[in-house]
Amino acid sequence: TTPSLNILYSENPAMKLLSVGPTVSFSKNFLKGKISANTSVSFIASQRNGTWSDKTVTNSIGFNYRITKNHAVKINNSVMYTMLLTGSNSHEYKGNVTYTYTFDYIVKNKKEQVKNF
C-alpha cells in the first residue's frame, strides 16, 4: 500500500491553476515476480484563478506479465470521472496494451561492452 499526496501549481498570464488531492496505490507480485497486479484510486480538487472549479476521481488497474527475461506484456486501464462545479460531468476511459522487449548488455570491462540478442 502506497499513499501519496499530489500537488500541482501552474501559473501563466491567463490563468493560475492549483490541483491537490490524495492517491492510494496497491501492488502485488505473483509467481516469483512473473506476474504483477496494481491498482490505484485518486481524488483531485482543482482551483482556477482562486475559484474551486472541479473534482476528479480516477480508478486505475494494471497487470504485467513477464514472459521471459526479455519479453513482457502490460495491460492498463483507467476510468476518470470529473465533476465540474458548473453542473456538468465527464467520464473518460483509457486503456492500453504494451509489449516490451529488453536488450541485455554485459559489461566485460569499462572500455568494452558485448551485446547479447
C-alpha atoms as a PDB file:
ATOM      1  CA  THR A   1       0.000   0.000   0.000  1.00  0.00           C
ATOM      2  CA  THR A   2       1.403   3.377  -1.023  1.00  0.00           C
ATOM      3  CA  PRO A   3      -0.368   6.603  -0.064  1.00  0.00           C
ATOM      4  CA  SER A   4       0.691   9.878  -1.669  1.00  0.00           C
ATOM      5  CA  LEU A   5      -0.337  13.500  -1.893  1.00  0.00           C
ATOM      6  CA  ASN A   6      -0.450  15.196  -5.296  1.00  0.00           C
ATOM      7  CA  ILE A   7       0.045  18.951  -5.604  1.00  0.00           C
ATOM      8  CA  LEU A   8       0.289  20.868  -8.885  1.00  0.00           C
ATOM      9  CA  TYR A   9       0.588  24.633  -9.188  1.00  0.00           C
ATOM     10  CA  SER A  10       0.857  26.296 -12.578  1.00  0.00           C
ATOM     11  CA  GLU A  11       0.700  29.947 -13.486  1.00  0.00           C
ATOM     12  CA  ASN A  12       0.708  31.804 -16.809  1.00  0.00           C
ATOM     13  CA  PRO A  13      -0.551  35.262 -17.812  1.00  0.00           C
ATOM     14  CA  ALA A  14      -4.077  33.950 -18.479  1.00  0.00           C
ATOM     15  CA  MET A  15      -4.613  31.570 -15.545  1.00  0.00           C
ATOM     16  CA  LYS A  16      -3.459  30.253 -12.178  1.00  0.00           C
ATOM     17  CA  LEU A  17      -4.131  26.550 -11.580  1.00  0.00           C
ATOM     18  CA  LEU A  18      -3.905  24.608  -8.313  1.00  0.00           C
ATOM     19  CA  SER A  19      -4.725  20.903  -8.095  1.00  0.00           C
ATOM     20  CA  VAL A  20      -4.414  18.918  -4.877  1.00  0.00           C
ATOM     21  CA  GLY A  21      -5.520  15.520  -3.601  1.00  0.00           C
ATOM     22  CA  PRO A  22      -4.551  12.072  -2.306  1.00  0.00           C
ATOM     23  CA  THR A  23      -3.774   8.820  -4.118  1.00  0.00           C
ATOM     24  CA  VAL A  24      -3.684   5.310  -2.672  1.00  0.00           C
ATOM     25  CA  SER A  25      -1.935   2.541  -4.644  1.00  0.00           C
ATOM     26  CA  PHE A  26      -1.760  -1.214  -4.109  1.00  0.00           C
ATOM     27  CA  SER A  27       0.502  -3.694  -5.900  1.00  0.00           C
ATOM     28  CA  LYS A  28       1.195  -7.407  -5.602  1.00  0.00           C
ATOM     29  CA  ASN A  29       3.635  -9.787  -7.324  1.00  0.00           C
ATOM     30  CA  PHE A  30       2.781 -13.402  -8.125  1.00  0.00           C
ATOM     31  CA  LEU A  31       4.729 -16.439  -9.356  1.00  0.00           C
ATOM     32  CA  LYS A  32       8.141 -15.111  -8.247  1.00  0.00           C
ATOM     33  CA  GLY A  33       7.573 -11.718  -9.884  1.00  0.00           C
ATOM     34  CA  LYS A  34       6.492 -13.072 -13.283  1.00  0.00           C
ATOM     35  CA  ILE A  35       3.042 -11.533 -12.860  1.00  0.00           C
ATOM     36  CA  SER A  36       2.263  -8.288 -11.082  1.00  0.00           C
ATOM     37  CA  ALA A  37      -1.024  -6.506 -10.485  1.00  0.00           C
ATOM     38  CA  ASN A  38      -1.584  -2.933  -9.379  1.00  0.00           C
ATOM     39  CA  THR A  39      -4.478  -0.637  -8.686  1.00  0.00           C
ATOM     40  CA  SER A  40      -4.855   2.957  -7.530  1.00  0.00           C
ATOM     41  CA  VAL A  41      -7.554   5.440  -6.603  1.00  0.00           C
ATOM     42  CA  SER A  42      -7.042   9.197  -6.601  1.00  0.00           C
ATOM     43  CA  PHE A  43      -9.129  12.246  -5.822  1.00  0.00           C
ATOM     44  CA  ILE A  44      -8.042  15.659  -7.156  1.00  0.00           C
ATOM     45  CA  ALA A  45      -9.738  19.005  -6.476  1.00  0.00           C
ATOM     46  CA  SER A  46      -8.784  21.861  -8.825  1.00  0.00           C
ATOM     47  CA  GLN A  47      -8.863  25.613  -8.424  1.00  0.00           C
ATOM     48  CA  ARG A  48      -8.653  28.062 -11.350  1.00  0.00           C
ATOM     49  CA  ASN A  49      -7.857  31.707 -10.666  1.00  0.00           C
ATOM     50  CA  GLY A  50      -8.692  31.266  -6.975  1.00  0.00           C
ATOM     51  CA  THR A  51     -12.092  29.564  -7.516  1.00  0.00           C
ATOM     52  CA  TRP A  52     -12.666  25.836  -6.977  1.00  0.00           C
ATOM     53  CA  SER A  53     -13.734  24.539 -10.378  1.00  0.00           C
ATOM     54  CA  ASP A  54     -13.816  20.726 -10.428  1.00  0.00           C
ATOM     55  CA  LYS A  55     -13.210  17.432  -8.646  1.00  0.00           C
ATOM     56  CA  THR A  56     -11.822  14.337 -10.334  1.00  0.00           C
ATOM     57  CA  VAL A  57     -11.823  10.704  -9.204  1.00  0.00           C
ATOM     58  CA  THR A  58      -9.565   8.295 -11.097  1.00  0.00           C
ATOM     59  CA  ASN A  59      -9.533   4.493 -10.713  1.00  0.00           C
ATOM     60  CA  SER A  60      -6.695   2.570 -12.376  1.00  0.00           C
ATOM     61  CA  ILE A  61      -5.850  -1.109 -12.669  1.00  0.00           C
ATOM     62  CA  GLY A  62      -2.950  -2.813 -14.412  1.00  0.00           C
ATOM     63  CA  PHE A  63      -1.378  -6.203 -14.990  1.00  0.00           C
ATOM     64  CA  ASN A  64       2.154  -7.046 -16.094  1.00  0.00           C
ATOM     65  CA  TYR A  65       3.273 -10.464 -17.350  1.00  0.00           C
ATOM     66  CA  ARG A  66       6.995 -11.101 -17.808  1.00  0.00           C
ATOM     67  CA  ILE A  67       7.044 -13.841 -20.450  1.00  0.00           C
ATOM     68  CA  THR A  68      10.834 -14.300 -20.390  1.00  0.00           C
ATOM     69  CA  LYS A  69      13.779 -12.258 -19.158  1.00  0.00           C
ATOM     70  CA  ASN A  70      13.499 -10.050 -22.262  1.00  0.00           C
ATOM     71  CA  HIS A  71       9.769 -10.089 -23.130  1.00  0.00           C
ATOM     72  CA  ALA A  72       6.865  -8.572 -21.192  1.00  0.00           C
ATOM     73  CA  VAL A  73       3.235  -7.572 -21.795  1.00  0.00           C
ATOM     74  CA  LYS A  74       1.338  -4.912 -19.824  1.00  0.00           C
ATOM     75  CA  ILE A  75      -2.375  -4.140 -19.729  1.00  0.00           C
ATOM     76  CA  ASN A  76      -3.521  -0.906 -18.075  1.00  0.00           C
ATOM     77  CA  ASN A  77      -6.985   0.620 -17.730  1.00  0.00           C
ATOM     78  CA  SER A  78      -8.296   3.723 -16.005  1.00  0.00           C
ATOM     79  CA  VAL A  79     -11.650   5.399 -15.548  1.00  0.00           C
ATOM     80  CA  MET A  80     -11.756   9.104 -14.750  1.00  0.00           C
ATOM     81  CA  TYR A  81     -14.893  10.870 -13.556  1.00  0.00           C
ATOM     82  CA  THR A  82     -14.807  14.690 -13.384  1.00  0.00           C
ATOM     83  CA  MET A  83     -17.493  16.728 -11.629  1.00  0.00           C
ATOM     84  CA  LEU A  84     -17.478  20.360 -12.730  1.00  0.00           C
ATOM     85  CA  LEU A  85     -18.958  22.906 -10.346  1.00  0.00           C
ATOM     86  CA  THR A  86     -20.897  24.320 -13.299  1.00  0.00           C
ATOM     87  CA  GLY A  87     -23.078  21.210 -13.058  1.00  0.00           C
ATOM     88  CA  SER A  88     -21.757  19.195 -15.996  1.00  0.00           C
ATOM     89  CA  ASN A  89     -19.802  15.970 -15.576  1.00  0.00           C
ATOM     90  CA  SER A  90     -17.467  13.983 -17.802  1.00  0.00           C
ATOM     91  CA  HIS A  91     -16.254  10.387 -17.961  1.00  0.00           C
ATOM     92  CA  GLU A  92     -13.043   9.244 -19.602  1.00  0.00           C
ATOM     93  CA  TYR A  93     -11.873   5.688 -20.164  1.00  0.00           C
ATOM     94  CA  LYS A  94      -8.283   4.887 -21.130  1.00  0.00           C
ATOM     95  CA  GLY A  95      -6.823   1.510 -21.870  1.00  0.00           C
ATOM     96  CA  ASN A  96      -3.623   0.250 -23.398  1.00  0.00           C
ATOM     97  CA  VAL A  97      -1.712  -2.915 -24.099  1.00  0.00           C
ATOM     98  CA  THR A  98       2.077  -2.659 -24.233  1.00  0.00           C
ATOM     99  CA  TYR A  99       4.668  -5.163 -25.413  1.00  0.00           C
ATOM    100  CA  THR A 100       8.239  -4.627 -24.194  1.00  0.00           C
ATOM    101  CA  TYR A 101      11.489  -6.175 -25.377  1.00  0.00           C
ATOM    102  CA  THR A 102      14.534  -5.512 -23.195  1.00  0.00           C
ATOM    103  CA  PHE A 103      18.038  -5.679 -24.655  1.00  0.00           C
ATOM    104  CA  ASP A 104      20.798  -7.176 -22.498  1.00  0.00           C
ATOM    105  CA  TYR A 105      24.255  -5.682 -22.207  1.00  0.00           C
ATOM    106  CA  ILE A 106      27.089  -7.444 -20.416  1.00  0.00           C
ATOM    107  CA  VAL A 107      29.928  -5.202 -19.317  1.00  0.00           C
ATOM    108  CA  LYS A 108      33.284  -7.027 -19.571  1.00  0.00           C
ATOM    109  CA  ASN A 109      35.295  -4.024 -18.511  1.00  0.00           C
ATOM    110  CA  LYS A 110      34.922  -0.254 -18.553  1.00  0.00           C
ATOM    111  CA  LYS A 111      36.035   0.034 -22.213  1.00  0.00           C
ATOM    112  CA  GLU A 112      34.200  -2.870 -23.821  1.00  0.00           C
ATOM    113  CA  GLN A 113      30.572  -3.999 -23.944  1.00  0.00           C
ATOM    114  CA  VAL A 114      29.168  -7.114 -25.560  1.00  0.00           C
ATOM    115  CA  LYS A 115      25.593  -7.123 -26.872  1.00  0.00           C
ATOM    116  CA  ASN A 116      23.504 -10.257 -26.373  1.00  0.00           C
ATOM    117  CA  PHE A 117      20.457 -10.546 -28.602  1.00  0.00           C
END
